[in-house]
Amino acid sequence: MKTKITEMLGIQHPIMQGGMHYVGFAELAAAVSNAGGMGTITGLTQRSAADLANEIARCNDMTDKPFAVNLTFLPTVNTPDYPGYIDAIVKGGVKVVETAGRSPEKYMPLLKDAGITVVHKCTSVKHALKAQAIGCDAVSVDGFECGGHPGEDDIPNMILLPRAADELEIPFLASGGMADARSLVAALAMGAEGINMGTRFVATQEAPVHENVKQAIVNATEKDTRLVMRPLRNTERVLTNPAVEKVLEKERELGADLTFDDIANEVVGVYPRVMKDGDMDAGAWSCGMVAGLIHSVPTCEELISGIMKDADALIAERLKSML
């Protein structure tokens, strides 16, 4: 299947693996890329630019296909060494960067001078248009269904994707709620050039996370995610557990007086304990509503080839028969 995204990224199938904290390591990125999609290493999971350089080298040893690096721009006091990370990306021969969080505008000259293709993740048409204006090559439009940070507008993809298609001139991926061939075909129908999957790729054999995490996703339904940190305007969609329910209780009790320090125990330093150690109640960790559509733990090759085969059948048979 050829789309503007497959041509731009140099991949076979219009499927990208999103950057995920303590999930996007070389093993997963290489597996996705080897299966014809765009694998992604999560840059800030690596503690330093040197660590990222080593992870990129590991991925290059595992695949000769294109892969991306995610750089999330955070509003933190101690700003990460973004120029160092970008230097590691360039020297590692990586040609695609997925940016997220705050605007990448400050670092666009570094990226574009190195010939990097930039795909910025956005949760609104407004932010997508800003990304287009500062020179991003494509955007990943992230609907309210997504795991992680859905923004504050609460617009689901059935509305957000057509709105993006109406406004944007650059190509875009559909993100949030993407899991199978139905997701892909629907996204294409609404104007996207492909899909960006996060939660679905966590539940794959190559994902370097604890088996407890994969089974938690398989066992979850679409009703098992919660929105936390909403009073702080830093909303995050997570899989429910006792720690998450404790956060929600604090939010209800403290109301407008809630501070980040009040919930820090449940949200800080959680990912290594969950993803590596399999402590599913350690705290709040990102998961999309799409968990309700995930019932297996396939290889990345099985997942991607199955999506493409089923998408071809949906388009050529079911939809064509309705004409």
Protein backbone atom coordinates (compact mmCIF):
# COMPACT_ATOMS: atom_id res chain seq x y z
CA MET A 1 0.00 0.00 0.00
CA LYS A 2 1.49 3.33 -1.08
CA THR A 3 0.59 6.59 0.60
CA LYS A 4 2.29 9.96 1.00
CA ILE A 5 3.59 8.76 4.37
CA THR A 6 5.15 5.54 3.03
CA GLU A 7 6.91 7.54 0.33
CA MET A 8 8.05 10.25 2.76
CA LEU A 9 9.38 7.84 5.39
CA GLY A 10 10.71 5.23 2.98
CA ILE A 11 8.68 2.39 4.47
CA GLN A 12 6.57 -0.41 2.98
CA HIS A 13 3.43 -0.10 5.10
CA PRO A 14 1.70 3.06 6.43
CA ILE A 15 2.16 2.06 10.07
CA MET A 16 4.34 3.86 12.60
CA GLN A 17 5.20 2.81 16.14
CA GLY A 18 4.93 5.78 18.44
CA GLY A 19 7.57 6.67 20.99
CA MET A 20 6.74 5.24 24.43
CA HIS A 21 8.66 5.69 27.67
CA TYR A 22 10.55 2.52 28.69
CA VAL A 23 9.01 0.67 25.71
CA GLY A 24 10.65 2.19 22.64
CA PHE A 25 13.98 0.39 22.80
CA ALA A 26 16.00 -0.95 19.86
CA GLU A 27 14.40 -4.42 20.03
CA LEU A 28 10.91 -3.11 19.31
CA ALA A 29 11.94 -0.41 16.85
CA ALA A 30 13.93 -2.89 14.77
CA ALA A 31 11.13 -5.46 14.81
CA VAL A 32 8.59 -2.91 13.54
CA SER A 33 10.94 -1.65 10.85
CA ASN A 34 11.84 -5.18 9.75
CA ALA A 35 8.12 -5.84 9.36
CA GLY A 36 7.77 -2.92 6.95
CA GLY A 37 6.60 -0.22 9.36
CA MET A 38 8.43 2.67 11.01
CA GLY A 39 9.92 1.64 14.34
CA THR A 40 10.75 4.31 16.89
CA ILE A 41 13.32 4.56 19.67
CA THR A 42 12.17 6.73 22.58
CA GLY A 43 14.95 9.26 23.00
CA LEU A 44 14.40 10.46 26.56
CA THR A 45 14.19 6.92 27.94
CA GLN A 46 17.94 7.03 27.34
CA ARG A 47 19.55 8.97 30.18
CA SER A 48 22.08 10.79 28.03
CA ALA A 49 22.98 11.57 24.44
CA ALA A 50 25.73 8.96 24.65
CA ASP A 51 23.20 6.34 25.78
CA LEU A 52 20.96 7.27 22.86
CA ALA A 53 23.88 6.93 20.46
CA ASN A 54 24.48 3.41 21.80
CA GLU A 55 20.79 2.53 21.42
CA ILE A 56 20.75 3.80 17.84
CA ALA A 57 23.85 1.69 17.12
CA ARG A 58 22.11 -1.37 18.61
CA CYS A 59 19.09 -0.76 16.39
CA ASN A 60 21.31 -0.36 13.31
CA ASP A 61 22.77 -3.78 14.13
CA MET A 62 19.27 -5.29 14.16
CA THR A 63 17.82 -3.71 11.01
CA ASP A 64 18.89 -2.14 7.75
CA LYS A 65 15.46 -0.52 7.38
CA PRO A 66 14.60 3.09 8.33
CA PHE A 67 13.63 3.80 11.93
CA ALA A 68 12.82 6.96 13.88
CA VAL A 69 13.73 8.51 17.20
CA ASN A 70 11.10 10.19 19.39
CA LEU A 71 12.08 13.45 21.09
CA THR A 72 9.54 14.78 23.58
CA PHE A 73 10.05 18.42 24.52
CA LEU A 74 9.24 18.76 28.19
CA PRO A 75 8.46 21.83 30.33
CA THR A 76 11.04 20.89 32.96
CA VAL A 77 13.41 22.87 35.16
CA ASN A 78 16.37 20.73 34.13
CA THR A 79 16.08 20.74 30.35
CA PRO A 80 17.46 17.60 28.67
CA ASP A 81 20.46 17.97 26.40
CA TYR A 82 18.39 18.25 23.24
CA PRO A 83 21.27 19.42 21.01
CA GLY A 84 23.27 16.41 22.24
CA TYR A 85 20.39 14.04 21.50
CA ILE A 86 19.96 15.55 18.04
CA ASP A 87 23.71 15.17 17.39
CA ALA A 88 23.47 11.48 18.34
CA ILE A 89 20.52 11.09 15.97
CA VAL A 90 22.37 12.73 13.09
CA LYS A 91 25.62 10.81 13.64
CA GLY A 92 23.64 7.58 13.96
CA GLY A 93 22.20 8.05 10.48
CA VAL A 94 18.60 8.36 11.66
CA LYS A 95 16.52 10.24 9.09
CA VAL A 96 13.16 10.54 10.88
CA VAL A 97 12.35 12.19 14.21
CA GLU A 98 8.96 12.05 15.91
CA THR A 99 8.61 15.14 18.09
CA ALA A 100 6.03 15.49 20.83
CA GLY A 101 5.16 17.64 23.83
CA ARG A 102 5.97 21.29 23.37
CA SER A 103 6.68 22.84 19.97
CA PRO A 104 9.96 21.71 18.38
CA GLU A 105 10.39 25.13 16.74
CA LYS A 106 13.57 25.98 18.66
CA TYR A 107 15.29 22.86 17.38
CA MET A 108 13.90 22.77 13.83
CA PRO A 109 17.01 24.40 12.28
CA LEU A 110 19.24 21.67 13.77
CA LEU A 111 16.92 18.95 12.49
CA LYS A 112 16.26 20.37 9.04
CA ASP A 113 19.92 21.30 8.39
CA ALA A 114 20.70 17.61 8.96
CA GLY A 115 18.05 16.54 6.44
CA ILE A 116 15.82 15.03 9.12
CA THR A 117 12.15 14.37 8.36
CA VAL A 118 10.11 15.68 11.29
CA VAL A 119 6.74 14.19 12.28
CA HIS A 120 5.18 16.17 15.14
CA LYS A 121 2.51 14.65 17.37
CA CYS A 122 -0.47 16.97 17.91
CA THR A 123 -3.74 16.76 19.83
CA SER A 124 -5.53 19.61 18.04
CA VAL A 125 -5.89 21.10 14.58
CA LYS A 126 -4.49 24.37 15.96
CA HIS A 127 -1.25 22.70 17.02
CA ALA A 128 -1.08 20.74 13.76
CA LEU A 129 -1.29 23.97 11.77
CA LYS A 130 1.47 25.46 13.93
CA ALA A 131 3.63 22.40 13.23
CA GLN A 132 3.00 22.85 9.52
CA ALA A 133 3.91 26.53 9.75
CA ILE A 134 7.29 25.90 11.42
CA GLY A 135 8.31 23.39 8.78
CA CYS A 136 7.34 19.95 10.08
CA ASP A 137 7.06 17.48 7.22
CA ALA A 138 4.06 15.62 8.65
CA VAL A 139 2.03 15.41 11.83
CA SER A 140 0.57 12.60 13.89
CA VAL A 141 -2.92 13.66 14.93
CA ASP A 142 -3.65 12.24 18.37
CA GLY A 143 -7.32 11.82 19.28
CA PHE A 144 -8.91 11.83 22.75
CA GLU A 145 -8.88 8.00 22.78
CA CYS A 146 -5.10 7.87 22.96
CA GLY A 147 -2.96 6.60 25.81
CA GLY A 148 -0.70 9.18 27.40
CA HIS A 149 -1.48 12.87 26.98
CA PRO A 150 -4.62 13.59 24.89
CA GLY A 151 -4.53 17.36 25.38
CA GLU A 152 -7.36 19.30 26.94
CA ASP A 153 -9.90 19.59 24.09
CA ASP A 154 -11.38 16.06 24.31
CA ILE A 155 -11.95 15.71 20.56
CA PRO A 156 -12.18 12.07 19.39
CA ASN A 157 -10.74 10.96 16.07
CA MET A 158 -14.07 10.66 14.26
CA ILE A 159 -14.13 14.47 14.37
CA LEU A 160 -10.45 15.36 14.71
CA LEU A 161 -9.17 13.48 11.67
CA PRO A 162 -11.62 14.96 9.13
CA ARG A 163 -10.99 18.40 10.63
CA ALA A 164 -7.26 17.89 10.16
CA ALA A 165 -7.85 16.79 6.57
CA ASP A 166 -9.87 19.94 5.95
CA GLU A 167 -7.13 22.24 7.22
CA LEU A 168 -3.73 20.68 6.62
CA GLU A 169 -1.58 20.71 3.50
CA ILE A 170 1.07 18.33 4.86
CA PRO A 171 0.27 14.61 5.28
CA PHE A 172 -0.76 13.23 8.64
CA LEU A 173 -0.97 9.97 10.56
CA ALA A 174 -3.93 9.00 12.72
CA SER A 175 -2.99 8.26 16.33
CA GLY A 176 -5.13 7.16 19.26
CA GLY A 177 -7.43 4.16 19.08
CA MET A 178 -5.47 2.49 16.28
CA ALA A 179 -5.15 -1.29 16.54
CA ASP A 180 -6.12 -3.20 13.41
CA ALA A 181 -7.16 -3.11 9.75
CA ARG A 182 -10.43 -1.40 10.60
CA SER A 183 -8.46 1.41 12.24
CA LEU A 184 -6.24 1.80 9.19
CA VAL A 185 -9.04 1.78 6.62
CA ALA A 186 -11.14 4.21 8.68
CA ALA A 187 -8.16 6.53 9.11
CA LEU A 188 -7.48 6.52 5.38
CA ALA A 189 -11.15 7.25 4.69
CA MET A 190 -10.97 10.29 6.97
CA GLY A 191 -7.96 11.75 5.22
CA ALA A 192 -4.96 10.30 7.07
CA GLU A 193 -2.04 8.74 5.17
CA GLY A 194 -1.42 6.01 7.75
CA ILE A 195 -1.64 5.17 11.43
CA ASN A 196 0.57 5.59 14.49
CA MET A 197 0.12 2.86 17.12
CA GLY A 198 1.35 2.89 20.69
CA THR A 199 -0.56 0.61 23.06
CA ARG A 200 -1.02 -2.03 20.36
CA PHE A 201 2.76 -2.37 19.95
CA VAL A 202 3.27 -2.80 23.71
CA ALA A 203 1.36 -6.08 23.45
CA THR A 204 3.75 -7.68 20.96
CA GLN A 205 6.31 -10.39 21.50
CA GLU A 206 9.26 -8.12 20.74
CA ALA A 207 8.20 -5.31 23.06
CA PRO A 208 10.92 -5.33 25.78
CA VAL A 209 8.50 -5.00 28.69
CA HIS A 210 7.43 -7.40 31.45
CA GLU A 211 4.87 -10.03 30.51
CA ASN A 212 2.59 -8.64 33.24
CA VAL A 213 2.26 -5.44 31.19
CA LYS A 214 1.27 -7.29 28.03
CA GLN A 215 -1.28 -9.42 29.87
CA ALA A 216 -2.72 -6.37 31.62
CA ILE A 217 -3.44 -4.83 28.21
CA VAL A 218 -4.90 -8.06 26.83
CA ASN A 219 -7.12 -8.43 29.92
CA ALA A 220 -8.29 -4.81 29.90
CA THR A 221 -11.48 -3.51 28.31
CA GLU A 222 -12.19 -0.14 26.75
CA LYS A 223 -13.67 0.89 30.11
CA ASP A 224 -10.47 0.35 32.11
CA THR A 225 -8.58 3.58 31.44
CA ARG A 226 -8.81 6.75 33.53
CA LEU A 227 -7.84 10.39 33.02
CA VAL A 228 -5.49 11.69 35.71
CA MET A 229 -3.89 15.11 36.33
CA ARG A 230 -6.83 16.84 34.68
CA PRO A 231 -6.99 19.57 37.38
CA LEU A 232 -3.32 20.35 36.59
CA ARG A 233 -4.08 20.65 32.86
CA ASN A 234 -1.60 17.86 32.20
CA THR A 235 -4.19 15.19 31.47
CA GLU A 236 -2.92 11.66 30.99
CA ARG A 237 -4.88 8.54 30.02
CA VAL A 238 -3.69 5.56 32.08
CA LEU A 239 -4.76 2.02 32.89
CA THR A 240 -6.64 1.91 36.15
CA ASN A 241 -5.11 0.33 39.26
CA PRO A 242 -5.18 1.12 43.00
CA ALA A 243 -2.57 3.86 42.64
CA VAL A 244 -4.57 5.53 39.86
CA GLU A 245 -7.77 5.41 41.90
CA LYS A 246 -5.81 6.99 44.78
CA VAL A 247 -4.78 9.85 42.49
CA LEU A 248 -8.39 10.39 41.43
CA GLU A 249 -9.49 10.40 45.08
CA LYS A 250 -6.91 13.06 45.91
CA GLU A 251 -8.05 15.12 42.92
CA ARG A 252 -11.65 14.99 44.13
CA GLU A 253 -10.74 15.83 47.72
CA LEU A 254 -8.31 18.66 47.01
CA GLY A 255 -10.02 20.17 43.99
CA ALA A 256 -8.47 23.48 42.97
CA ASP A 257 -5.88 23.16 45.76
CA LEU A 258 -4.26 20.10 44.15
CA THR A 259 -0.55 20.40 43.40
CA PHE A 260 1.77 18.03 41.58
CA ASP A 261 3.51 17.21 44.85
CA ASP A 262 0.23 15.78 46.16
CA ILE A 263 0.32 12.98 43.57
CA ALA A 264 4.05 12.67 42.95
CA ASN A 265 4.30 9.30 44.71
CA GLU A 266 1.86 7.79 42.21
CA VAL A 267 3.29 9.30 39.02
CA VAL A 268 7.05 9.88 39.42
CA GLY A 269 9.57 7.12 38.68
CA VAL A 270 6.82 4.66 37.87
CA TYR A 271 7.83 3.37 34.43
CA PRO A 272 10.90 1.27 35.31
CA ARG A 273 8.92 -0.46 38.08
CA VAL A 274 6.01 -1.20 35.76
CA MET A 275 7.69 -1.90 32.42
CA LYS A 276 10.84 -3.66 33.67
CA ASP A 277 9.79 -5.19 37.00
CA GLY A 278 6.13 -5.92 36.17
CA ASP A 279 4.75 -4.18 39.28
CA MET A 280 1.36 -3.34 37.83
CA ASP A 281 0.22 -1.37 40.87
CA ALA A 282 3.34 0.80 41.15
CA GLY A 283 1.58 3.88 39.83
CA ALA A 284 -0.03 5.50 36.80
CA TRP A 285 1.17 4.32 33.39
CA SER A 286 -0.11 5.28 29.95
CA CYS A 287 -2.55 3.05 28.12
CA GLY A 288 -5.12 3.80 25.42
CA MET A 289 -8.79 2.89 25.30
CA VAL A 290 -7.75 0.70 22.37
CA ALA A 291 -6.83 -1.96 24.96
CA GLY A 292 -10.41 -3.10 24.51
CA LEU A 293 -9.52 -4.20 20.97
CA ILE A 294 -6.33 -6.05 21.90
CA HIS A 295 -6.75 -9.76 22.59
CA SER A 296 -3.40 -11.28 21.62
CA VAL A 297 0.38 -10.82 21.78
CA PRO A 298 1.63 -11.41 18.22
CA THR A 299 5.03 -10.75 16.73
CA CYS A 300 5.37 -7.38 15.00
CA GLU A 301 5.54 -9.19 11.67
CA GLU A 302 2.30 -11.05 12.39
CA LEU A 303 0.60 -7.86 13.56
CA ILE A 304 1.61 -5.65 10.65
CA SER A 305 1.19 -8.24 7.89
CA GLY A 306 -2.21 -9.18 9.34
CA ILE A 307 -3.33 -5.55 9.38
CA MET A 308 -2.28 -5.03 5.77
CA LYS A 309 -3.88 -8.27 4.55
CA ASP A 310 -7.15 -7.50 6.32
CA ALA A 311 -7.10 -3.88 5.13
CA ASP A 312 -6.74 -4.99 1.53
CA ALA A 313 -9.71 -7.32 1.99
CA LEU A 314 -11.83 -4.60 3.60
CA ILE A 315 -11.15 -2.19 0.77
CA ALA A 316 -11.33 -4.64 -2.13
CA GLU A 317 -14.25 -6.75 -0.90
CA ARG A 318 -16.48 -5.26 1.79
CA LEU A 319 -16.32 -1.62 0.72
CA LYS A 320 -16.30 -2.33 -3.01
CA SER A 321 -19.38 -4.52 -2.66
CA MET A 322 -21.28 -1.52 -1.34
CA LEU A 323 -20.75 0.53 -4.50
